[in-house]
Amino acid sequence: MDEAGLLQFWERLAESGGEIEAVVGDVSVVEDARRMIGAAVENFGRVDVPVANAGVIP
C-alpha cells in the first residue's frame, strides 16, 4: 500500500473509534522497522503483541 492508501485506511479506522498509528516503511529495512516500533511505543507506551504481517491491502 502506498502512503495515500494507508492514510485513507487510517481515516476509516479512526472514524470507527480505533486508536491508530500509521507509519510508512519497509519492514525489510532495519531503520524503518525501528521507526515503526518507536512510533508505537511513543504513542501507546508499549508494544503488546508484534505481528509479522506484510502485504498489500486491495
Protein backbone atom coordinates (compact mmCIF):
# COMPACT_ATOMS: atom_id res chain seq x y z
CA MET A 1 0.00 0.00 0.00
CA ASP A 2 1.28 3.44 -0.77
CA GLU A 3 1.19 6.36 1.65
CA ALA A 4 -2.04 7.81 0.23
CA GLY A 5 -3.80 4.45 0.54
CA LEU A 6 -2.51 3.99 4.08
CA LEU A 7 -3.80 7.40 5.11
CA GLN A 8 -7.24 6.65 3.63
CA PHE A 9 -7.32 3.37 5.53
CA TRP A 10 -6.17 5.18 8.70
CA GLU A 11 -9.04 7.67 8.35
CA ARG A 12 -11.60 4.89 8.00
CA LEU A 13 -10.31 3.13 11.11
CA ALA A 14 -10.11 6.37 13.11
CA GLU A 15 -13.70 7.24 12.18
CA SER A 16 -14.83 3.95 13.68
CA GLY A 17 -13.19 4.86 17.00
CA GLY A 18 -9.94 2.94 16.72
CA GLU A 19 -6.66 4.23 18.13
CA ILE A 20 -4.38 4.20 15.12
CA GLU A 21 -0.74 5.00 14.38
CA ALA A 22 0.16 4.86 10.68
CA VAL A 23 3.82 4.65 9.66
CA VAL A 24 5.02 4.19 6.09
CA GLY A 25 8.04 1.94 5.87
CA ASP A 26 9.63 -1.24 4.60
CA VAL A 27 9.85 -3.97 7.25
CA SER A 28 12.91 -5.39 5.49
CA VAL A 29 14.81 -2.16 6.27
CA VAL A 30 16.03 -2.25 9.88
CA GLU A 31 15.81 1.51 10.40
CA ASP A 32 12.22 1.58 9.09
CA ALA A 33 11.25 -1.27 11.42
CA ARG A 34 12.82 0.55 14.37
CA ARG A 35 10.94 3.71 13.42
CA MET A 36 7.65 1.79 13.32
CA ILE A 37 8.27 0.28 16.75
CA GLY A 38 9.34 3.66 18.10
CA ALA A 39 6.14 5.28 16.85
CA ALA A 40 4.03 2.63 18.57
CA VAL A 41 5.90 2.99 21.86
CA GLU A 42 5.79 6.79 21.69
CA ASN A 43 2.04 6.88 21.05
CA PHE A 44 0.82 3.90 23.07
CA GLY A 45 3.53 3.38 25.69
CA ARG A 46 4.49 -0.13 24.65
CA VAL A 47 4.08 -2.90 22.09
CA ASP A 48 1.89 -5.71 23.46
CA VAL A 49 1.83 -8.13 20.53
CA PRO A 50 4.07 -7.91 17.47
CA VAL A 51 2.54 -9.45 14.35
CA ALA A 52 4.73 -10.38 11.37
CA ASN A 53 2.41 -9.33 8.57
CA ALA A 54 3.45 -7.58 5.38
CA GLY A 55 1.49 -7.34 2.20
CA VAL A 56 -0.88 -5.35 0.08
CA ILE A 57 -4.44 -4.50 1.06
CA PRO A 58 -6.50 -4.03 -2.11
